[in-house]
Amino acid sequence: MLLRVVAVAADEDMNYEHYFLKVVGDGSVTMESEYEHDHGSVFSRGQSVLLGHFFLQENLIDFTFKPEEGKQAAALSGTVHLI
């Protein structure tokens, strides 16, 4: 299993351009059925996604982050900008 952090493009209505996702698994997976992650986004059958945990910013001054391990997250594979 690979473990990596990726930068994902945020929606246009967000206050930031990217957010970080700690990817868990061997990379992109294709949804076999509809999936709603713990943050409320819904992914359709057939979409390619990365699964993992979002990072939360701990400190605005020194820009430290920690993974939100207790909640599952997903991001469309096509929205990944940096690996």
PDB file of N, CA and C in Angstrom:
ATOM      1  N   MET A   1       0.842  -1.175   0.000  1.00  0.00           N
ATOM      2  CA  MET A   1       0.000   0.000   0.000  1.00  0.00           C
ATOM      3  C   MET A   1       0.889   1.241   0.000  1.00  0.00           C
ATOM      4  N   LEU A   2       0.595   2.170  -0.900  1.00  0.00           N
ATOM      5  CA  LEU A   2       1.319   3.430  -0.969  1.00  0.00           C
ATOM      6  C   LEU A   2       0.697   4.439  -0.026  1.00  0.00           C
ATOM      7  N   LEU A   3       1.509   5.314   0.501  1.00  0.00           N
ATOM      8  CA  LEU A   3       1.021   6.385   1.356  1.00  0.00           C
ATOM      9  C   LEU A   3       1.632   7.672   0.858  1.00  0.00           C
ATOM     10  N   ARG A   4       0.786   8.607   0.435  1.00  0.00           N
ATOM     11  CA  ARG A   4       1.292   9.872  -0.073  1.00  0.00           C
ATOM     12  C   ARG A   4       0.315  10.990   0.240  1.00  0.00           C
ATOM     13  N   VAL A   5       0.798  12.200   0.124  1.00  0.00           N
ATOM     14  CA  VAL A   5      -0.025  13.387   0.314  1.00  0.00           C
ATOM     15  C   VAL A   5      -0.104  14.104  -1.025  1.00  0.00           C
ATOM     16  N   VAL A   6      -1.307  14.502  -1.401  1.00  0.00           N
ATOM     17  CA  VAL A   6      -1.508  15.200  -2.667  1.00  0.00           C
ATOM     18  C   VAL A   6      -2.233  16.509  -2.423  1.00  0.00           C
ATOM     19  N   ALA A   7      -2.023  17.475  -3.319  1.00  0.00           N
ATOM     20  CA  ALA A   7      -2.764  18.730  -3.301  1.00  0.00           C
ATOM     21  C   ALA A   7      -3.917  18.587  -4.285  1.00  0.00           C
ATOM     22  N   VAL A   8      -5.106  18.926  -3.834  1.00  0.00           N
ATOM     23  CA  VAL A   8      -6.321  18.773  -4.636  1.00  0.00           C
ATOM     24  C   VAL A   8      -6.922  20.155  -4.864  1.00  0.00           C
ATOM     25  N   ALA A   9      -7.341  20.433  -6.093  1.00  0.00           N
ATOM     26  CA  ALA A   9      -7.973  21.721  -6.405  1.00  0.00           C
ATOM     27  C   ALA A   9      -9.264  21.858  -5.614  1.00  0.00           C
ATOM     28  N   ALA A  10      -9.449  23.013  -4.971  1.00  0.00           N
ATOM     29  CA  ALA A  10     -10.667  23.282  -4.202  1.00  0.00           C
ATOM     30  C   ALA A  10     -11.746  23.841  -5.129  1.00  0.00           C
ATOM     31  N   ASP A  11     -12.997  23.727  -4.697  1.00  0.00           N
ATOM     32  CA  ASP A  11     -14.110  24.316  -5.441  1.00  0.00           C
ATOM     33  C   ASP A  11     -13.920  25.821  -5.544  1.00  0.00           C
ATOM     34  N   GLU A  12     -14.517  26.413  -6.557  1.00  0.00           N
ATOM     35  CA  GLU A  12     -14.373  27.856  -6.769  1.00  0.00           C
ATOM     36  C   GLU A  12     -14.916  28.679  -5.608  1.00  0.00           C
ATOM     37  N   ASP A  13     -15.903  28.162  -4.875  1.00  0.00           N
ATOM     38  CA  ASP A  13     -16.501  28.936  -3.779  1.00  0.00           C
ATOM     39  C   ASP A  13     -15.724  28.836  -2.465  1.00  0.00           C
ATOM     40  N   MET A  14     -14.603  28.123  -2.461  1.00  0.00           N
ATOM     41  CA  MET A  14     -13.773  28.006  -1.263  1.00  0.00           C
ATOM     42  C   MET A  14     -12.883  29.239  -1.128  1.00  0.00           C
ATOM     43  N   ASN A  15     -12.335  29.450   0.064  1.00  0.00           N
ATOM     44  CA  ASN A  15     -11.442  30.574   0.320  1.00  0.00           C
ATOM     45  C   ASN A  15      -9.980  30.247   0.030  1.00  0.00           C
ATOM     46  N   TYR A  16      -9.722  29.097  -0.547  1.00  0.00           N
ATOM     47  CA  TYR A  16      -8.359  28.687  -0.841  1.00  0.00           C
ATOM     48  C   TYR A  16      -8.362  27.902  -2.144  1.00  0.00           C
ATOM     49  N   GLU A  17      -7.191  27.778  -2.765  1.00  0.00           N
ATOM     50  CA  GLU A  17      -7.090  27.126  -4.070  1.00  0.00           C
ATOM     51  C   GLU A  17      -6.941  25.618  -3.993  1.00  0.00           C
ATOM     52  N   HIS A  18      -6.257  25.131  -2.941  1.00  0.00           N
ATOM     53  CA  HIS A  18      -5.984  23.701  -2.799  1.00  0.00           C
ATOM     54  C   HIS A  18      -6.238  23.253  -1.369  1.00  0.00           C
ATOM     55  N   TYR A  19      -6.438  21.976  -1.219  1.00  0.00           N
ATOM     56  CA  TYR A  19      -6.427  21.355   0.094  1.00  0.00           C
ATOM     57  C   TYR A  19      -5.605  20.092  -0.021  1.00  0.00           C
ATOM     58  N   PHE A  20      -5.241  19.515   1.102  1.00  0.00           N
ATOM     59  CA  PHE A  20      -4.357  18.360   1.112  1.00  0.00           C
ATOM     60  C   PHE A  20      -5.111  17.102   1.512  1.00  0.00           C
ATOM     61  N   LEU A  21      -4.755  16.005   0.857  1.00  0.00           N
ATOM     62  CA  LEU A  21      -5.367  14.706   1.112  1.00  0.00           C
ATOM     63  C   LEU A  21      -4.261  13.690   1.355  1.00  0.00           C
ATOM     64  N   LYS A  22      -4.335  12.994   2.483  1.00  0.00           N
ATOM     65  CA  LYS A  22      -3.438  11.873   2.766  1.00  0.00           C
ATOM     66  C   LYS A  22      -4.075  10.660   2.099  1.00  0.00           C
ATOM     67  N   VAL A  23      -3.479  10.198   1.014  1.00  0.00           N
ATOM     68  CA  VAL A  23      -4.038   9.091   0.240  1.00  0.00           C
ATOM     69  C   VAL A  23      -3.719   7.779   0.931  1.00  0.00           C
ATOM     70  N   VAL A  24      -4.725   6.949   1.093  1.00  0.00           N
ATOM     71  CA  VAL A  24      -4.565   5.628   1.676  1.00  0.00           C
ATOM     72  C   VAL A  24      -4.956   4.611   0.607  1.00  0.00           C
ATOM     73  N   GLY A  25      -4.097   3.677   0.337  1.00  0.00           N
ATOM     74  CA  GLY A  25      -4.375   2.673  -0.681  1.00  0.00           C
ATOM     75  C   GLY A  25      -3.314   2.702  -1.763  1.00  0.00           C
ATOM     76  N   ASP A  26      -3.617   2.041  -2.861  1.00  0.00           N
ATOM     77  CA  ASP A  26      -2.660   1.902  -3.959  1.00  0.00           C
ATOM     78  C   ASP A  26      -2.877   2.919  -5.064  1.00  0.00           C
ATOM     79  N   GLY A  27      -3.610   3.975  -4.781  1.00  0.00           N
ATOM     80  CA  GLY A  27      -3.837   5.010  -5.781  1.00  0.00           C
ATOM     81  C   GLY A  27      -5.306   5.124  -6.142  1.00  0.00           C
ATOM     82  N   SER A  28      -5.555   5.519  -7.362  1.00  0.00           N
ATOM     83  CA  SER A  28      -6.906   5.783  -7.836  1.00  0.00           C
ATOM     84  C   SER A  28      -7.756   4.510  -7.888  1.00  0.00           C
ATOM     85  N   VAL A  29      -9.009   4.644  -7.482  1.00  0.00           N
ATOM     86  CA  VAL A  29      -9.964   3.536  -7.571  1.00  0.00           C
ATOM     87  C   VAL A  29     -11.207   4.017  -8.319  1.00  0.00           C
ATOM     88  N   THR A  30     -11.874   3.097  -8.990  1.00  0.00           N
ATOM     89  CA  THR A  30     -13.120   3.411  -9.688  1.00  0.00           C
ATOM     90  C   THR A  30     -14.283   2.985  -8.808  1.00  0.00           C
ATOM     91  N   MET A  31     -15.179   3.907  -8.531  1.00  0.00           N
ATOM     92  CA  MET A  31     -16.328   3.624  -7.672  1.00  0.00           C
ATOM     93  C   MET A  31     -17.228   2.567  -8.311  1.00  0.00           C
ATOM     94  N   GLU A  32     -17.527   1.522  -7.570  1.00  0.00           N
ATOM     95  CA  GLU A  32     -18.407   0.459  -8.041  1.00  0.00           C
ATOM     96  C   GLU A  32     -19.866   0.770  -7.742  1.00  0.00           C
ATOM     97  N   SER A  33     -20.098   1.718  -6.834  1.00  0.00           N
ATOM     98  CA  SER A  33     -21.448   2.178  -6.500  1.00  0.00           C
ATOM     99  C   SER A  33     -21.336   3.610  -5.996  1.00  0.00           C
ATOM    100  N   GLU A  34     -22.458   4.274  -5.808  1.00  0.00           N
ATOM    101  CA  GLU A  34     -22.432   5.636  -5.294  1.00  0.00           C
ATOM    102  C   GLU A  34     -21.804   5.642  -3.902  1.00  0.00           C
ATOM    103  N   TYR A  35     -21.041   6.680  -3.609  1.00  0.00           N
ATOM    104  CA  TYR A  35     -20.309   6.760  -2.342  1.00  0.00           C
ATOM    105  C   TYR A  35     -20.387   8.182  -1.812  1.00  0.00           C
ATOM    106  N   GLU A  36     -20.741   8.332  -0.541  1.00  0.00           N
ATOM    107  CA  GLU A  36     -20.721   9.632   0.124  1.00  0.00           C
ATOM    108  C   GLU A  36     -19.703   9.572   1.244  1.00  0.00           C
ATOM    109  N   HIS A  37     -18.702  10.454   1.183  1.00  0.00           N
ATOM    110  CA  HIS A  37     -17.694  10.411   2.243  1.00  0.00           C
ATOM    111  C   HIS A  37     -18.161  11.233   3.440  1.00  0.00           C
ATOM    112  N   ASP A  38     -17.392  11.172   4.521  1.00  0.00           N
ATOM    113  CA  ASP A  38     -17.787  11.761   5.802  1.00  0.00           C
ATOM    114  C   ASP A  38     -17.934  13.279   5.784  1.00  0.00           C
ATOM    115  N   HIS A  39     -17.515  13.917   4.708  1.00  0.00           N
ATOM    116  CA  HIS A  39     -17.641  15.369   4.588  1.00  0.00           C
ATOM    117  C   HIS A  39     -18.828  15.772   3.722  1.00  0.00           C
ATOM    118  N   GLY A  40     -19.592  14.790   3.246  1.00  0.00           N
ATOM    119  CA  GLY A  40     -20.831  15.069   2.536  1.00  0.00           C
ATOM    120  C   GLY A  40     -20.784  15.053   1.023  1.00  0.00           C
ATOM    121  N   SER A  41     -19.620  14.972   0.414  1.00  0.00           N
ATOM    122  CA  SER A  41     -19.556  14.915  -1.052  1.00  0.00           C
ATOM    123  C   SER A  41     -19.969  13.534  -1.529  1.00  0.00           C
ATOM    124  N   VAL A  42     -20.685  13.508  -2.649  1.00  0.00           N
ATOM    125  CA  VAL A  42     -21.176  12.250  -3.214  1.00  0.00           C
ATOM    126  C   VAL A  42     -20.447  11.978  -4.527  1.00  0.00           C
ATOM    127  N   PHE A  43     -19.991  10.757  -4.684  1.00  0.00           N
ATOM    128  CA  PHE A  43     -19.301  10.325  -5.893  1.00  0.00           C
ATOM    129  C   PHE A  43     -20.134   9.243  -6.551  1.00  0.00           C
ATOM    130  N   SER A  44     -20.233   9.313  -7.868  1.00  0.00           N
ATOM    131  CA  SER A  44     -21.076   8.394  -8.632  1.00  0.00           C
ATOM    132  C   SER A  44     -20.323   7.138  -9.038  1.00  0.00           C
ATOM    133  N   ARG A  45     -21.086   6.110  -9.315  1.00  0.00           N
ATOM    134  CA  ARG A  45     -20.526   4.868  -9.832  1.00  0.00           C
ATOM    135  C   ARG A  45     -19.744   5.190 -11.100  1.00  0.00           C
ATOM    136  N   GLY A  46     -18.541   4.617 -11.208  1.00  0.00           N
ATOM    137  CA  GLY A  46     -17.707   4.812 -12.385  1.00  0.00           C
ATOM    138  C   GLY A  46     -16.708   5.951 -12.274  1.00  0.00           C
ATOM    139  N   GLN A  47     -16.856   6.835 -11.274  1.00  0.00           N
ATOM    140  CA  GLN A  47     -15.898   7.925 -11.118  1.00  0.00           C
ATOM    141  C   GLN A  47     -14.596   7.410 -10.516  1.00  0.00           C
ATOM    142  N   SER A  48     -13.482   7.997 -10.954  1.00  0.00           N
ATOM    143  CA  SER A  48     -12.170   7.638 -10.458  1.00  0.00           C
ATOM    144  C   SER A  48     -11.820   8.578  -9.312  1.00  0.00           C
ATOM    145  N   VAL A  49     -11.529   8.017  -8.135  1.00  0.00           N
ATOM    146  CA  VAL A  49     -11.262   8.822  -6.950  1.00  0.00           C
ATOM    147  C   VAL A  49     -10.022   8.325  -6.211  1.00  0.00           C
ATOM    148  N   LEU A  50      -9.490   9.201  -5.365  1.00  0.00           N
ATOM    149  CA  LEU A  50      -8.464   8.846  -4.398  1.00  0.00           C
ATOM    150  C   LEU A  50      -9.133   8.855  -3.029  1.00  0.00           C
ATOM    151  N   LEU A  51      -8.868   7.860  -2.212  1.00  0.00           N
ATOM    152  CA  LEU A  51      -9.456   7.747  -0.885  1.00  0.00           C
ATOM    153  C   LEU A  51      -8.410   8.048   0.174  1.00  0.00           C
ATOM    154  N   GLY A  52      -8.836   8.633   1.282  1.00  0.00           N
ATOM    155  CA  GLY A  52      -7.894   8.926   2.352  1.00  0.00           C
ATOM    156  C   GLY A  52      -8.499   9.817   3.409  1.00  0.00           C
ATOM    157  N   HIS A  53      -7.690  10.771   3.890  1.00  0.00           N
ATOM    158  CA  HIS A  53      -8.093  11.685   4.959  1.00  0.00           C
ATOM    159  C   HIS A  53      -7.631  13.097   4.603  1.00  0.00           C
ATOM    160  N   PHE A  54      -8.505  14.087   4.805  1.00  0.00           N
ATOM    161  CA  PHE A  54      -8.117  15.475   4.607  1.00  0.00           C
ATOM    162  C   PHE A  54      -7.198  15.918   5.736  1.00  0.00           C
ATOM    163  N   PHE A  55      -6.392  16.931   5.466  1.00  0.00           N
ATOM    164  CA  PHE A  55      -5.561  17.561   6.477  1.00  0.00           C
ATOM    165  C   PHE A  55      -6.283  18.799   7.002  1.00  0.00           C
ATOM    166  N   LEU A  56      -6.189  19.028   8.302  1.00  0.00           N
ATOM    167  CA  LEU A  56      -6.726  20.221   8.934  1.00  0.00           C
ATOM    168  C   LEU A  56      -5.566  21.116   9.325  1.00  0.00           C
ATOM    169  N   GLN A  57      -5.717  22.421   9.122  1.00  0.00           N
ATOM    170  CA  GLN A  57      -4.659  23.340   9.498  1.00  0.00           C
ATOM    171  C   GLN A  57      -4.696  23.548  11.009  1.00  0.00           C
ATOM    172  N   GLU A  58      -3.594  23.248  11.671  1.00  0.00           N
ATOM    173  CA  GLU A  58      -3.500  23.379  13.123  1.00  0.00           C
ATOM    174  C   GLU A  58      -3.143  24.799  13.543  1.00  0.00           C
ATOM    175  N   ASN A  59      -2.284  25.443  12.759  1.00  0.00           N
ATOM    176  CA  ASN A  59      -1.754  26.731  13.175  1.00  0.00           C
ATOM    177  C   ASN A  59      -1.615  27.632  11.955  1.00  0.00           C
ATOM    178  N   LEU A  60      -2.248  28.802  11.989  1.00  0.00           N
ATOM    179  CA  LEU A  60      -2.188  29.739  10.870  1.00  0.00           C
ATOM    180  C   LEU A  60      -0.838  30.436  10.757  1.00  0.00           C
ATOM    181  N   ILE A  61      -0.124  30.559  11.862  1.00  0.00           N
ATOM    182  CA  ILE A  61       1.137  31.291  11.857  1.00  0.00           C
ATOM    183  C   ILE A  61       2.262  30.487  11.206  1.00  0.00           C
ATOM    184  N   ASP A  62       2.426  29.226  11.629  1.00  0.00           N
ATOM    185  CA  ASP A  62       3.519  28.439  11.049  1.00  0.00           C
ATOM    186  C   ASP A  62       3.037  27.385  10.053  1.00  0.00           C
ATOM    187  N   PHE A  63       1.780  27.434   9.664  1.00  0.00           N
ATOM    188  CA  PHE A  63       1.208  26.568   8.629  1.00  0.00           C
ATOM    189  C   PHE A  63       1.431  25.083   8.895  1.00  0.00           C
ATOM    190  N   THR A  64       1.138  24.640  10.106  1.00  0.00           N
ATOM    191  CA  THR A  64       1.218  23.216  10.412  1.00  0.00           C
ATOM    192  C   THR A  64      -0.149  22.577  10.187  1.00  0.00           C
ATOM    193  N   PHE A  65      -0.116  21.339   9.726  1.00  0.00           N
ATOM    194  CA  PHE A  65      -1.331  20.597   9.406  1.00  0.00           C
ATOM    195  C   PHE A  65      -1.283  19.239  10.084  1.00  0.00           C
ATOM    196  N   LYS A  66      -2.462  18.647  10.301  1.00  0.00           N
ATOM    197  CA  LYS A  66      -2.527  17.277  10.798  1.00  0.00           C
ATOM    198  C   LYS A  66      -3.643  16.558  10.041  1.00  0.00           C
ATOM    199  N   PRO A  67      -3.448  15.270   9.746  1.00  0.00           N
ATOM    200  CA  PRO A  67      -4.499  14.526   9.046  1.00  0.00           C
ATOM    201  C   PRO A  67      -5.695  14.289   9.957  1.00  0.00           C
ATOM    202  N   GLU A  68      -6.878  14.394   9.395  1.00  0.00           N
ATOM    203  CA  GLU A  68      -8.119  14.142  10.129  1.00  0.00           C
ATOM    204  C   GLU A  68      -8.422  12.651  10.023  1.00  0.00           C
ATOM    205  N   GLU A  69      -7.755  11.868  10.848  1.00  0.00           N
ATOM    206  CA  GLU A  69      -7.804  10.406  10.761  1.00  0.00           C
ATOM    207  C   GLU A  69      -9.192   9.815  11.009  1.00  0.00           C
ATOM    208  N   GLY A  70     -10.027  10.489  11.777  1.00  0.00           N
ATOM    209  CA  GLY A  70     -11.323   9.920  12.143  1.00  0.00           C
ATOM    210  C   GLY A  70     -12.389   9.984  11.068  1.00  0.00           C
ATOM    211  N   LYS A  71     -12.139  10.705   9.979  1.00  0.00           N
ATOM    212  CA  LYS A  71     -13.140  10.846   8.931  1.00  0.00           C
ATOM    213  C   LYS A  71     -12.569  10.420   7.583  1.00  0.00           C
ATOM    214  N   GLN A  72     -13.362   9.658   6.850  1.00  0.00           N
ATOM    215  CA  GLN A  72     -12.990   9.235   5.502  1.00  0.00           C
ATOM    216  C   GLN A  72     -13.203  10.385   4.529  1.00  0.00           C
ATOM    217  N   ALA A  73     -12.353  10.478   3.538  1.00  0.00           N
ATOM    218  CA  ALA A  73     -12.462  11.522   2.515  1.00  0.00           C
ATOM    219  C   ALA A  73     -12.147  10.912   1.161  1.00  0.00           C
ATOM    220  N   ALA A  74     -12.579  11.596   0.123  1.00  0.00           N
ATOM    221  CA  ALA A  74     -12.289  11.190  -1.249  1.00  0.00           C
ATOM    222  C   ALA A  74     -12.168  12.432  -2.099  1.00  0.00           C
ATOM    223  N   ALA A  75     -11.428  12.319  -3.193  1.00  0.00           N
ATOM    224  CA  ALA A  75     -11.279  13.412  -4.152  1.00  0.00           C
ATOM    225  C   ALA A  75     -11.218  12.812  -5.549  1.00  0.00           C
ATOM    226  N   LEU A  76     -11.831  13.490  -6.500  1.00  0.00           N
ATOM    227  CA  LEU A  76     -11.762  13.039  -7.878  1.00  0.00           C
ATOM    228  C   LEU A  76     -10.303  13.013  -8.340  1.00  0.00           C
ATOM    229  N   SER A  77      -9.904  11.956  -8.976  1.00  0.00           N
ATOM    230  CA  SER A  77      -8.506  11.814  -9.413  1.00  0.00           C
ATOM    231  C   SER A  77      -8.076  12.968 -10.310  1.00  0.00           C
ATOM    232  N   GLY A  78      -8.981  13.481 -11.119  1.00  0.00           N
ATOM    233  CA  GLY A  78      -8.645  14.558 -12.051  1.00  0.00           C
ATOM    234  C   GLY A  78      -8.409  15.901 -11.383  1.00  0.00           C
ATOM    235  N   THR A  79      -8.714  16.024 -10.085  1.00  0.00           N
ATOM    236  CA  THR A  79      -8.508  17.296  -9.394  1.00  0.00           C
ATOM    237  C   THR A  79      -7.174  17.366  -8.678  1.00  0.00           C
ATOM    238  N   VAL A  80      -6.384  16.292  -8.734  1.00  0.00           N
ATOM    239  CA  VAL A  80      -5.073  16.268  -8.087  1.00  0.00           C
ATOM    240  C   VAL A  80      -4.102  17.102  -8.903  1.00  0.00           C
ATOM    241  N   HIS A  81      -3.436  18.065  -8.256  1.00  0.00           N
ATOM    242  CA  HIS A  81      -2.483  18.931  -8.928  1.00  0.00           C
ATOM    243  C   HIS A  81      -1.051  18.575  -8.619  1.00  0.00           C
ATOM    244  N   LEU A  82      -0.766  18.159  -7.400  1.00  0.00           N
ATOM    245  CA  LEU A  82       0.608  17.882  -7.002  1.00  0.00           C
ATOM    246  C   LEU A  82       0.703  16.564  -6.272  1.00  0.00           C
ATOM    247  N   ILE A  83       1.741  15.816  -6.578  1.00  0.00           N
ATOM    248  CA  ILE A  83       1.970  14.555  -5.868  1.00  0.00           C
ATOM    249  C   ILE A  83       3.337  14.625  -5.228  1.00  0.00           C
TER     250      ILE A  83
END
